[in-house]
């Protein structure tokens, strides 16, 4: 089995992790990582924790190392995951103003073309429609 990777929690850290597990606004991955920390501090082996979560053993070890390196902040995802947006909030505000001020109606291809010509932002009409729909 090798040497056991083990973390020790203060009562305050344990309480914080317990509250984090119960929070409704925290992503499930973070809740799982908090539970991993508490299980490890309780004395459970890495292999047992991995079996409980149906994770690979290395994932549990990685979580424990992230805690040791970054503390509570190590439980969250690193910034920069996913594709970066090509547009800014000001671009959508501009499109909304165009829709309110102009008396004509626009289709999404026309709005995408206007955005390309005036703001040098290339978005597909479908994606622009999705963004505007999410904004209401």
Protein backbone atom coordinates (compact mmCIF):
# COMPACT_ATOMS: atom_id res chain seq x y z
CA UNK A 1 0.00 0.00 0.00
CA UNK A 2 2.93 2.36 0.44
CA UNK A 3 3.14 5.46 2.54
CA UNK A 4 -0.19 7.04 3.45
CA UNK A 5 -0.87 10.56 2.21
CA UNK A 6 -2.54 12.29 5.13
CA UNK A 7 -3.70 15.79 5.95
CA UNK A 8 -4.51 17.13 9.40
CA UNK A 9 -7.28 19.68 9.85
CA UNK A 10 -7.78 22.19 12.61
CA UNK A 11 -11.28 22.28 14.13
CA UNK A 12 -11.90 25.55 12.28
CA UNK A 13 -10.85 24.03 8.91
CA UNK A 14 -13.06 21.00 9.55
CA UNK A 15 -16.03 23.24 10.33
CA UNK A 16 -15.40 25.31 7.19
CA UNK A 17 -15.22 22.18 5.03
CA UNK A 18 -18.41 20.81 6.60
CA UNK A 19 -20.22 24.08 5.83
CA UNK A 20 -18.81 24.03 2.32
CA UNK A 21 -20.26 20.56 1.75
CA UNK A 22 -23.73 21.82 2.71
CA UNK A 23 -23.63 25.10 0.76
CA UNK A 24 -26.12 25.37 -2.08
CA UNK A 25 -24.17 27.86 -4.21
CA UNK A 26 -20.94 25.85 -4.37
CA UNK A 27 -20.20 23.57 -7.37
CA UNK A 28 -20.54 19.84 -6.69
CA UNK A 29 -16.86 19.23 -7.48
CA UNK A 30 -15.84 21.58 -4.68
CA UNK A 31 -18.24 19.86 -2.28
CA UNK A 32 -16.75 16.49 -3.19
CA UNK A 33 -13.23 17.78 -2.67
CA UNK A 34 -14.21 19.13 0.75
CA UNK A 35 -15.56 15.70 1.68
CA UNK A 36 -12.35 14.07 0.43
CA UNK A 37 -10.37 16.31 2.76
CA UNK A 38 -12.55 15.46 5.75
CA UNK A 39 -12.45 11.72 5.01
CA UNK A 40 -8.67 11.79 4.71
CA UNK A 41 -8.28 13.76 7.92
CA UNK A 42 -10.52 11.18 9.62
CA UNK A 43 -7.99 8.50 8.67
CA UNK A 44 -9.49 6.92 5.55
CA UNK A 45 -6.97 5.63 3.02
CA UNK A 46 -6.67 7.17 -0.42
CA UNK A 47 -7.81 3.91 -2.04
CA UNK A 48 -10.94 3.80 0.15
CA UNK A 49 -11.81 7.42 -0.69
CA UNK A 50 -11.29 6.76 -4.40
CA UNK A 51 -13.62 3.76 -4.24
CA UNK A 52 -16.25 5.79 -2.37
CA UNK A 53 -16.31 8.54 -5.03
CA UNK A 54 -15.61 6.18 -7.93
CA UNK A 55 -12.53 8.28 -8.74
CA UNK A 56 -9.07 7.20 -9.76
CA UNK A 57 -6.58 7.05 -6.89
CA UNK A 58 -4.46 9.75 -8.52
CA UNK A 59 -7.43 12.14 -8.52
CA UNK A 60 -7.73 11.81 -4.75
CA UNK A 61 -3.97 12.33 -4.33
CA UNK A 62 -4.12 15.37 -6.61
CA UNK A 63 -6.92 16.81 -4.46
CA UNK A 64 -4.90 16.27 -1.29
CA UNK A 65 -1.83 17.90 -2.83
CA UNK A 66 -3.94 20.85 -3.98
CA UNK A 67 -5.10 21.31 -0.38
CA UNK A 68 -1.55 21.18 0.91
CA UNK A 69 -0.39 23.74 -1.68
CA UNK A 70 -3.34 26.13 -1.70
CA UNK A 71 -5.46 25.42 1.35
CA UNK A 72 -9.14 26.16 0.95
CA UNK A 73 -8.52 27.95 -2.35
CA UNK A 74 -7.06 24.75 -3.78
CA UNK A 75 -10.49 23.13 -3.80
CA UNK A 76 -11.83 25.42 -6.53
CA UNK A 77 -11.13 25.13 -10.25
CA UNK A 78 -8.20 27.08 -11.61
CA UNK A 79 -9.15 30.21 -13.57
CA UNK A 80 -8.91 30.09 -17.31
CA UNK A 81 -10.76 26.86 -17.95
CA UNK A 82 -12.77 26.83 -21.14
CA UNK A 83 -12.80 28.98 -24.23
CA UNK A 84 -12.40 32.72 -23.81
CA UNK A 85 -15.22 35.01 -24.89
CA UNK A 86 -14.65 37.03 -28.03
CA UNK A 87 -16.99 39.79 -26.91
CA UNK A 88 -17.17 42.16 -23.99
CA UNK A 89 -20.16 43.24 -21.93
CA UNK A 90 -20.01 46.64 -23.64
CA UNK A 91 -20.63 44.93 -27.01
CA UNK A 92 -23.88 43.42 -25.80
CA UNK A 93 -24.94 46.72 -24.23
CA UNK A 94 -24.27 48.35 -27.62
CA UNK A 95 -26.46 45.76 -29.41
CA UNK A 96 -29.25 46.25 -26.86
CA UNK A 97 -29.10 50.03 -27.38
CA UNK A 98 -29.26 49.56 -31.15
CA UNK A 99 -32.35 47.39 -30.73
CA UNK A 100 -34.03 49.97 -28.47
CA UNK A 101 -33.11 53.12 -30.44
CA UNK A 102 -33.63 51.97 -34.03
CA UNK A 103 -37.20 51.81 -35.19
CA UNK A 104 -36.55 48.85 -37.46
CA UNK A 105 -36.28 45.22 -36.44
CA UNK A 106 -33.14 43.18 -36.93
CA UNK A 107 -32.55 39.52 -37.60
CA UNK A 108 -29.66 37.80 -35.89
CA UNK A 109 -27.58 37.69 -39.12
CA UNK A 110 -28.09 41.45 -39.50
CA UNK A 111 -27.06 42.06 -35.88
CA UNK A 112 -23.99 39.86 -36.30
CA UNK A 113 -23.02 41.82 -39.42
CA UNK A 114 -23.55 45.15 -37.63
CA UNK A 115 -21.40 43.98 -34.75
CA UNK A 116 -18.67 42.91 -37.19
CA UNK A 117 -18.71 46.21 -39.08
CA UNK A 118 -18.91 48.61 -36.17
CA UNK A 119 -17.12 46.78 -33.34
CA UNK A 120 -14.85 44.32 -35.24
CA UNK A 121 -16.36 41.43 -33.27
CA UNK A 122 -17.15 38.29 -35.26
CA UNK A 123 -19.93 36.19 -33.76
CA UNK A 124 -22.11 33.71 -35.56
CA UNK A 125 -25.78 34.68 -35.74
CA UNK A 126 -26.73 31.56 -33.76
CA UNK A 127 -24.27 32.34 -30.96
CA UNK A 128 -25.35 35.99 -30.86
CA UNK A 129 -28.98 34.87 -30.60
CA UNK A 130 -28.08 32.57 -27.68
CA UNK A 131 -26.24 35.33 -25.82
CA UNK A 132 -29.08 37.81 -26.28
CA UNK A 133 -31.66 35.23 -25.26
CA UNK A 134 -29.76 34.52 -22.01
CA UNK A 135 -29.68 38.24 -21.29
CA UNK A 136 -33.45 38.46 -21.71
